[in-house]
């Protein structure tokens, strides 16, 4: 009898960390002959991209085209519905999964342990343990899983210690990357020239969503201090490259650039929503004119409108060093992506 696995996470079509893991996991399970259903957060029920996948997938948001008021009201009635809570039990009834698999923060997937069908499936859970101590109520969730995994050895030790070894811990399952895409460039100088940059430029790169826990103020301030302390022949050709989003839920980027006097030394990725041109540029506000098609639809990439993973890999390849600064980080996939592209990473020495 074919085993059924329900993967409960962000849509595999999103350029987010969870979305990337969803895509890799569902693809691997499907290729292994397992019946997979992806319950996709932040995707509409009628999302045509989900219908093109080789595995089953359903979005948790109301239909984008002609949604009923009832569907909208139900979805908006509870914050947790954005993560699939309102659809979860119906999906369990219809799909009847043997295993539920999730790998997000505890508050995303708490409904999995509260479901009236909990006795009918096994739950494999990999929480993003990115700080210590973990909240006491989360420990109860961890002990209720049938298989608990961790993103890192650090997280493994925290989970085992706080739960008093009373968990079904099975191992560390760190995220990975496609090494056919993320690999060192054949010629870094030429790689930079392809992005319209000087071949001798020194780039300190970072790929982080603009969230409060990502410490952009510290990063930009440190970069400004470096420019003042470094020899002139180094500081003049050194730039910070931020592949991030603005506006977003985090920091006001232009204010930080002005505060630390580095507006002419920080580059960003802009993508045209019309012709799809991707370019490296100094800050041009939230929206700007595309240099190729001239439409005013060039903007920084974000969770809803990202760049193809193949182009993201090309961006990593222009970096000379990678830096990830955060006050909590389970295991940032960009760190692994950068390393796979031959770029030495520097990360916060925590978690």
Protein backbone atom coordinates (compact mmCIF):
# COMPACT_ATOMS: atom_id res chain seq x y z
CA UNK A 1 0.00 0.00 0.00
CA UNK A 2 1.41 3.40 -1.01
CA UNK A 3 2.31 5.62 1.93
CA UNK A 4 0.72 9.07 2.09
CA UNK A 5 2.56 12.12 3.43
CA UNK A 6 1.07 15.56 3.97
CA UNK A 7 3.71 18.33 3.90
CA UNK A 8 2.38 21.34 5.80
CA UNK A 9 4.43 24.45 5.02
CA UNK A 10 4.81 27.53 2.86
CA UNK A 11 4.20 27.10 -0.84
CA UNK A 12 6.98 25.40 -2.76
CA UNK A 13 6.62 28.22 -5.30
CA UNK A 14 7.79 30.90 -2.84
CA UNK A 15 11.44 32.05 -2.68
CA UNK A 16 11.49 31.72 1.12
CA UNK A 17 13.52 29.35 3.26
CA UNK A 18 10.46 27.27 4.10
CA UNK A 19 9.36 27.35 0.47
CA UNK A 20 12.73 26.05 -0.70
CA UNK A 21 12.66 23.18 1.80
CA UNK A 22 9.08 22.35 0.79
CA UNK A 23 10.08 22.15 -2.86
CA UNK A 24 13.12 19.93 -2.24
CA UNK A 25 11.24 17.66 0.19
CA UNK A 26 8.13 17.17 -1.95
CA UNK A 27 10.23 16.55 -5.04
CA UNK A 28 12.32 13.93 -3.24
CA UNK A 29 9.31 12.17 -1.73
CA UNK A 30 7.46 12.17 -5.06
CA UNK A 31 10.48 10.77 -6.88
CA UNK A 32 10.66 8.01 -4.25
CA UNK A 33 7.15 6.91 -5.21
CA UNK A 34 5.36 8.32 -2.16
CA UNK A 35 1.92 9.89 -2.46
CA UNK A 36 2.59 13.51 -1.43
CA UNK A 37 0.18 16.35 -0.78
CA UNK A 38 1.53 19.86 -0.20
CA UNK A 39 -0.67 22.11 1.93
CA UNK A 40 0.71 25.43 0.74
CA UNK A 41 0.54 28.53 2.93
CA UNK A 42 0.42 31.90 1.13
CA UNK A 43 -0.87 30.27 -2.05
CA UNK A 44 -4.43 30.58 -3.38
CA UNK A 45 -6.61 27.52 -3.83
CA UNK A 46 -6.75 28.20 -7.56
CA UNK A 47 -3.03 28.98 -7.96
CA UNK A 48 -2.20 27.67 -11.47
CA UNK A 49 1.46 27.07 -10.50
CA UNK A 50 0.39 24.44 -7.97
CA UNK A 51 -1.54 22.59 -10.65
CA UNK A 52 1.62 22.21 -12.72
CA UNK A 53 3.51 20.34 -9.98
CA UNK A 54 4.07 16.58 -10.36
CA UNK A 55 2.78 16.06 -6.80
CA UNK A 56 -0.57 17.10 -5.31
CA UNK A 57 -0.76 20.60 -3.88
CA UNK A 58 -3.47 22.86 -2.54
CA UNK A 59 -3.27 26.46 -1.38
CA UNK A 60 -4.74 27.64 1.90
CA UNK A 61 -5.86 31.09 0.74
CA UNK A 62 -9.31 31.71 -0.80
CA UNK A 63 -9.51 31.56 -4.61
CA UNK A 64 -7.89 34.53 -6.27
CA UNK A 65 -10.60 34.59 -8.90
CA UNK A 66 -14.15 35.22 -7.70
CA UNK A 67 -13.84 34.13 -4.07
CA UNK A 68 -17.05 33.96 -2.08
CA UNK A 69 -17.51 36.25 0.89
CA UNK A 70 -17.83 33.20 3.14
CA UNK A 71 -14.39 31.95 2.04
CA UNK A 72 -12.86 35.35 2.69
CA UNK A 73 -14.54 35.67 6.09
CA UNK A 74 -13.39 32.22 7.21
CA UNK A 75 -9.82 32.86 6.15
CA UNK A 76 -9.72 36.23 7.89
CA UNK A 77 -11.44 35.01 11.06
CA UNK A 78 -8.24 33.71 12.64
CA UNK A 79 -4.55 34.56 12.29
CA UNK A 80 -3.56 30.89 12.23
CA UNK A 81 -5.57 30.33 9.05
CA UNK A 82 -2.79 31.86 6.98
CA UNK A 83 -0.81 28.73 7.94
CA UNK A 84 -3.56 26.34 6.97
CA UNK A 85 -5.44 25.66 10.21
CA UNK A 86 -8.90 26.16 8.66
CA UNK A 87 -8.19 23.62 5.91
CA UNK A 88 -6.15 21.08 7.84
CA UNK A 89 -8.89 18.84 9.24
CA UNK A 90 -10.79 18.69 5.95
CA UNK A 91 -7.57 17.74 4.18
CA UNK A 92 -6.95 14.99 6.74
CA UNK A 93 -10.43 13.59 6.15
CA UNK A 94 -10.06 13.62 2.38
CA UNK A 95 -6.39 12.65 1.93
CA UNK A 96 -6.06 10.43 5.04
CA UNK A 97 -2.30 10.85 5.43
CA UNK A 98 -0.13 8.33 7.25
CA UNK A 99 2.40 11.03 8.12
CA UNK A 100 2.29 14.79 8.62
CA UNK A 101 5.58 16.57 8.02
CA UNK A 102 6.29 20.16 9.13
CA UNK A 103 9.43 22.18 9.80
CA UNK A 104 8.39 25.64 10.96
CA UNK A 105 8.14 27.56 14.22
CA UNK A 106 5.81 26.10 16.81
CA UNK A 107 3.05 28.69 16.41
CA UNK A 108 2.69 27.92 12.70
CA UNK A 109 1.80 24.26 13.22
CA UNK A 110 0.25 23.97 16.66
CA UNK A 111 -3.02 22.90 15.02
CA UNK A 112 -1.37 19.61 13.98
CA UNK A 113 -1.25 18.42 17.59
CA UNK A 114 -4.73 19.76 18.38
CA UNK A 115 -6.49 18.06 15.49
CA UNK A 116 -9.24 15.55 16.40
CA UNK A 117 -7.52 13.19 13.94
CA UNK A 118 -4.19 13.26 15.79
CA UNK A 119 -4.38 9.54 16.64
CA UNK A 120 -4.59 8.62 12.97
CA UNK A 121 -1.27 9.98 11.71
CA UNK A 122 2.36 10.16 12.74
CA UNK A 123 3.87 13.62 13.03
CA UNK A 124 7.42 14.35 11.90
CA UNK A 125 8.38 17.80 13.14
CA UNK A 126 11.55 19.84 12.74
CA UNK A 127 11.13 23.10 14.72
CA UNK A 128 13.31 26.10 13.95
CA UNK A 129 15.04 26.16 17.31
CA UNK A 130 16.97 29.43 17.08
CA UNK A 131 17.27 30.56 20.70
CA UNK A 132 17.54 29.29 24.25
CA UNK A 133 15.69 28.63 26.38
CA UNK A 134 12.71 27.51 24.35
CA UNK A 135 9.26 28.53 25.62
CA UNK A 136 7.84 26.10 28.17
CA UNK A 137 4.60 25.49 26.23
CA UNK A 138 6.64 24.56 23.15
CA UNK A 139 8.29 21.72 25.08
CA UNK A 140 4.92 20.00 25.40
CA UNK A 141 4.53 20.20 21.64
CA UNK A 142 7.95 18.64 21.10
CA UNK A 143 7.14 15.71 23.39
CA UNK A 144 3.89 15.07 21.49
CA UNK A 145 5.61 14.38 18.18
CA UNK A 146 6.31 10.90 16.82
CA UNK A 147 9.61 11.99 15.32
CA UNK A 148 11.48 15.16 16.22
CA UNK A 149 14.32 16.47 14.05
CA UNK A 150 16.61 19.48 14.37
CA UNK A 151 18.14 21.88 11.88
CA UNK A 152 21.53 21.87 13.65
CA UNK A 153 23.63 20.13 16.30
CA UNK A 154 23.18 23.23 18.48
CA UNK A 155 19.40 22.86 18.30
CA UNK A 156 19.67 19.14 19.03
CA UNK A 157 21.44 19.80 22.32
CA UNK A 158 18.93 22.49 23.35
CA UNK A 159 15.92 20.28 22.58
CA UNK A 160 17.31 17.21 24.36
CA UNK A 161 18.39 19.18 27.41
CA UNK A 162 15.16 21.15 27.90
CA UNK A 163 12.91 18.17 27.24
CA UNK A 164 14.87 15.95 29.64
CA UNK A 165 15.41 13.41 26.84
CA UNK A 166 11.63 12.77 26.85
CA UNK A 167 11.29 13.27 23.10
CA UNK A 168 11.37 10.96 20.11
CA UNK A 169 14.47 12.63 18.70
CA UNK A 170 15.71 11.00 15.49
CA UNK A 171 18.50 13.23 14.22
CA UNK A 172 19.71 16.41 12.55
CA UNK A 173 18.32 17.08 9.07
CA UNK A 174 20.04 20.27 8.00
CA UNK A 175 18.76 21.98 4.87
CA UNK A 176 20.69 21.52 1.64
CA UNK A 177 21.01 23.12 -1.78
CA UNK A 178 21.08 21.97 -5.38
CA UNK A 179 24.79 21.74 -6.21
CA UNK A 180 23.99 21.69 -9.91
CA UNK A 181 22.82 25.30 -9.49
CA UNK A 182 24.78 26.62 -6.52
CA UNK A 183 28.43 26.19 -7.46
CA UNK A 184 31.53 28.41 -7.72
CA UNK A 185 31.88 30.64 -10.79
CA UNK A 186 34.44 29.81 -13.45
CA UNK A 187 35.62 33.44 -13.47
CA UNK A 188 34.54 35.80 -10.67
CA UNK A 189 35.77 38.96 -12.42
CA UNK A 190 33.74 38.10 -15.51
CA UNK A 191 30.79 37.22 -13.28
CA UNK A 192 30.82 40.74 -11.85
CA UNK A 193 31.12 42.27 -15.30
CA UNK A 194 27.97 40.38 -16.34
CA UNK A 195 26.11 42.40 -13.68
CA UNK A 196 27.54 45.68 -14.98
CA UNK A 197 30.04 45.96 -12.12
CA UNK A 198 33.75 46.69 -12.18
CA UNK A 199 35.78 43.51 -12.26
CA UNK A 200 38.05 44.63 -9.41
CA UNK A 201 35.20 45.55 -7.05
CA UNK A 202 35.12 43.88 -3.61
CA UNK A 203 31.64 42.79 -2.60
CA UNK A 204 30.45 41.91 0.89
CA UNK A 205 27.12 40.22 0.24
CA UNK A 206 24.09 39.32 2.31
CA UNK A 207 20.80 37.64 1.37
CA UNK A 208 18.24 38.24 4.10
CA UNK A 209 14.60 39.17 4.19
CA UNK A 210 14.03 42.58 5.77
CA UNK A 211 12.77 41.39 9.17
CA UNK A 212 13.40 42.83 12.64
CA UNK A 213 15.47 39.83 13.73
CA UNK A 214 17.84 40.39 10.82
CA UNK A 215 20.19 43.03 12.17
CA UNK A 216 20.50 45.39 9.23
CA UNK A 217 21.37 48.40 11.45
CA UNK A 218 24.33 46.52 12.97
CA UNK A 219 25.46 45.28 9.56
CA UNK A 220 25.30 48.68 7.87
CA UNK A 221 26.94 50.45 10.81
CA UNK A 222 29.75 47.89 10.89
CA UNK A 223 30.28 48.33 7.16
CA UNK A 224 30.52 52.11 7.61
CA UNK A 225 33.15 51.61 10.34
CA UNK A 226 35.07 49.24 8.08
CA UNK A 227 35.18 51.81 5.28
CA UNK A 228 36.72 54.37 7.65
CA UNK A 229 39.28 51.95 9.09
CA UNK A 230 40.37 50.20 5.88
CA UNK A 231 43.21 51.51 3.67
CA UNK A 232 41.95 53.89 1.00
CA UNK A 233 42.79 51.54 -1.87
CA UNK A 234 40.55 48.91 -0.25
CA UNK A 235 37.66 51.07 0.99
CA UNK A 236 37.24 52.83 -2.38
CA UNK A 237 36.47 49.61 -4.22
CA UNK A 238 34.55 47.81 -1.45
CA UNK A 239 30.75 47.73 -1.51
CA UNK A 240 28.02 46.07 0.53
CA UNK A 241 25.47 44.14 -1.52
CA UNK A 242 22.07 43.54 0.11
CA UNK A 243 19.74 41.14 -1.63
CA UNK A 244 16.71 42.03 0.45
CA UNK A 245 13.23 43.55 0.36
CA UNK A 246 11.88 47.05 0.89
CA UNK A 247 9.38 47.98 2.10
CA UNK A 248 8.81 45.01 4.38
CA UNK A 249 8.09 44.16 8.00
CA UNK A 250 11.59 45.07 9.19
CA UNK A 251 13.82 48.12 8.88
CA UNK A 252 13.55 51.41 7.01
CA UNK A 253 16.49 50.87 4.68
CA UNK A 254 16.88 54.43 3.29
CA UNK A 255 17.06 55.86 6.81
CA UNK A 256 19.87 53.45 7.70
CA UNK A 257 21.80 54.34 4.55
CA UNK A 258 21.54 58.03 5.34
CA UNK A 259 22.28 57.63 9.06
CA UNK A 260 25.57 55.85 8.44
CA UNK A 261 26.52 57.77 5.30
CA UNK A 262 26.83 54.79 2.95
CA UNK A 263 24.15 55.49 0.32
CA UNK A 264 26.76 55.41 -2.45
CA UNK A 265 28.38 52.20 -1.16
CA UNK A 266 25.46 49.78 -0.84
CA UNK A 267 23.99 47.86 -3.78
CA UNK A 268 20.62 46.15 -4.06
CA UNK A 269 18.91 43.71 -6.39
CA UNK A 270 16.08 45.15 -8.49
CA UNK A 271 13.84 43.06 -10.72
CA UNK A 272 11.46 44.46 -13.30
CA UNK A 273 7.97 43.03 -12.92
CA UNK A 274 7.36 43.79 -16.60
CA UNK A 275 10.38 42.46 -18.54
CA UNK A 276 11.96 40.49 -15.64
CA UNK A 277 15.36 42.21 -15.94
CA UNK A 278 17.50 41.67 -12.84
CA UNK A 279 20.09 44.32 -12.06
CA UNK A 280 22.46 45.37 -9.28
CA UNK A 281 21.92 49.01 -8.38
CA UNK A 282 22.32 51.66 -5.73
CA UNK A 283 19.13 52.33 -3.77
CA UNK A 284 16.37 53.65 -6.06
CA UNK A 285 13.45 53.65 -3.62
CA UNK A 286 10.76 50.99 -3.40
CA UNK A 287 9.96 51.26 -7.10
CA UNK A 288 11.97 52.61 -10.03
CA UNK A 289 12.13 52.73 -13.82
CA UNK A 290 13.58 49.66 -15.49
CA UNK A 291 16.73 50.52 -17.45
CA UNK A 292 15.76 48.12 -20.24
CA UNK A 293 11.99 48.48 -20.84
CA UNK A 294 11.68 51.83 -18.99
CA UNK A 295 8.46 50.79 -17.24
CA UNK A 296 8.18 52.01 -13.62
CA UNK A 297 7.96 48.46 -12.33
CA UNK A 298 11.48 47.72 -11.11
CA UNK A 299 11.47 46.79 -7.42
CA UNK A 300 13.42 44.80 -4.89
CA UNK A 301 12.52 41.14 -4.80
CA UNK A 302 10.26 39.96 -1.99
CA UNK A 303 8.41 36.86 -0.80
CA UNK A 304 5.64 37.41 -3.33
CA UNK A 305 7.82 38.34 -6.28
CA UNK A 306 11.26 36.78 -6.20
CA UNK A 307 13.91 35.96 -8.75
CA UNK A 308 14.52 32.52 -10.27
CA UNK A 309 16.82 30.38 -8.16
CA UNK A 310 19.27 30.14 -11.05
CA UNK A 311 19.71 33.94 -11.06
CA UNK A 312 19.99 34.01 -7.27
CA UNK A 313 22.93 31.63 -7.59
CA UNK A 314 24.53 33.99 -10.11
CA UNK A 315 24.25 36.81 -7.54
CA UNK A 316 26.00 34.75 -4.88
CA UNK A 317 28.85 34.19 -7.32
CA UNK A 318 29.70 37.91 -7.47
CA UNK A 319 30.24 38.06 -3.68
CA UNK A 320 33.77 37.92 -2.27
CA UNK A 321 32.52 37.22 1.24
CA UNK A 322 29.08 36.49 2.68
CA UNK A 323 27.73 37.82 5.99
CA UNK A 324 24.59 36.88 7.94
CA UNK A 325 23.82 38.99 11.01
CA UNK A 326 20.77 38.05 13.07
CA UNK A 327 19.72 37.83 16.70
CA UNK A 328 18.17 34.40 16.08
CA UNK A 329 18.60 32.03 13.14
CA UNK A 330 17.67 28.34 13.01
CA UNK A 331 20.05 27.65 10.15
CA UNK A 332 19.92 30.27 7.42
CA UNK A 333 19.77 28.58 4.02
CA UNK A 334 21.58 31.56 2.38
CA UNK A 335 24.68 30.64 4.41
CA UNK A 336 24.69 27.20 2.79
CA UNK A 337 23.90 28.63 -0.65
CA UNK A 338 26.79 31.09 -0.39
CA UNK A 339 29.24 28.41 0.73
CA UNK A 340 28.16 26.16 -2.14
CA UNK A 341 29.04 29.03 -4.51
CA UNK A 342 32.54 29.18 -3.06
CA UNK A 343 31.92 32.28 -0.96
CA UNK A 344 33.30 32.30 2.58
CA UNK A 345 30.45 32.96 5.06
CA UNK A 346 30.63 34.99 8.29
CA UNK A 347 27.73 34.43 10.67
CA UNK A 348 26.59 35.42 14.13
CA UNK A 349 28.17 33.02 16.63
CA UNK A 350 24.85 31.87 18.06
CA UNK A 351 22.42 29.05 17.31
